[in-house]
Amino acid sequence: MIVRMQHHKPTKAYVARRMAGGKTKSEIIRCLKRLLAREL
């Protein structure tokens, strides 16, 4: 997740939106894990 948050442009945009919404980094990582699980 950390590498994806740093290098994958759509994920970077997602993280920026979540941060603007007041989420913490650990909450964002949890959301990303759920998002990836749904994609698979």
Protein backbone atom coordinates (compact mmCIF):
# COMPACT_ATOMS: atom_id res chain seq x y z
CA MET A 1 0.00 0.00 0.00
CA ILE A 2 2.74 2.46 0.92
CA VAL A 3 4.53 2.12 -2.43
CA ARG A 4 1.26 2.43 -4.29
CA MET A 5 0.39 5.56 -2.28
CA GLN A 6 3.70 7.13 -3.33
CA HIS A 7 3.91 6.17 -7.02
CA HIS A 8 0.46 5.31 -8.46
CA LYS A 9 -1.14 8.56 -9.69
CA PRO A 10 -4.82 7.56 -9.23
CA THR A 11 -4.04 6.31 -5.72
CA LYS A 12 -2.19 9.55 -4.92
CA ALA A 13 -5.30 11.50 -5.97
CA TYR A 14 -7.48 9.22 -3.82
CA VAL A 15 -5.21 9.75 -0.80
CA ALA A 16 -5.29 13.52 -1.33
CA ARG A 17 -9.11 13.49 -1.41
CA ARG A 18 -9.28 11.38 1.75
CA MET A 19 -6.75 13.60 3.57
CA ALA A 20 -8.82 16.65 2.63
CA GLY A 21 -11.80 14.85 4.14
CA GLY A 22 -10.02 14.53 7.47
CA LYS A 23 -8.94 10.88 7.39
CA THR A 24 -5.70 9.72 9.01
CA LYS A 25 -3.03 7.79 7.12
CA SER A 26 -3.95 4.50 8.80
CA GLU A 27 -7.63 5.00 7.93
CA ILE A 28 -6.71 5.71 4.32
CA ILE A 29 -4.61 2.53 4.13
CA ARG A 30 -7.56 0.55 5.49
CA CYS A 31 -9.83 2.08 2.84
CA LEU A 32 -7.29 1.30 0.10
CA LYS A 33 -7.13 -2.33 1.21
CA ARG A 34 -10.91 -2.58 0.95
CA LEU A 35 -10.86 -0.88 -2.45
CA LEU A 36 -8.25 -3.32 -3.77
CA ALA A 37 -10.14 -6.31 -2.37
CA ARG A 38 -13.25 -5.20 -4.26
CA GLU A 39 -11.24 -4.86 -7.49
CA LEU A 40 -10.00 -8.45 -7.21
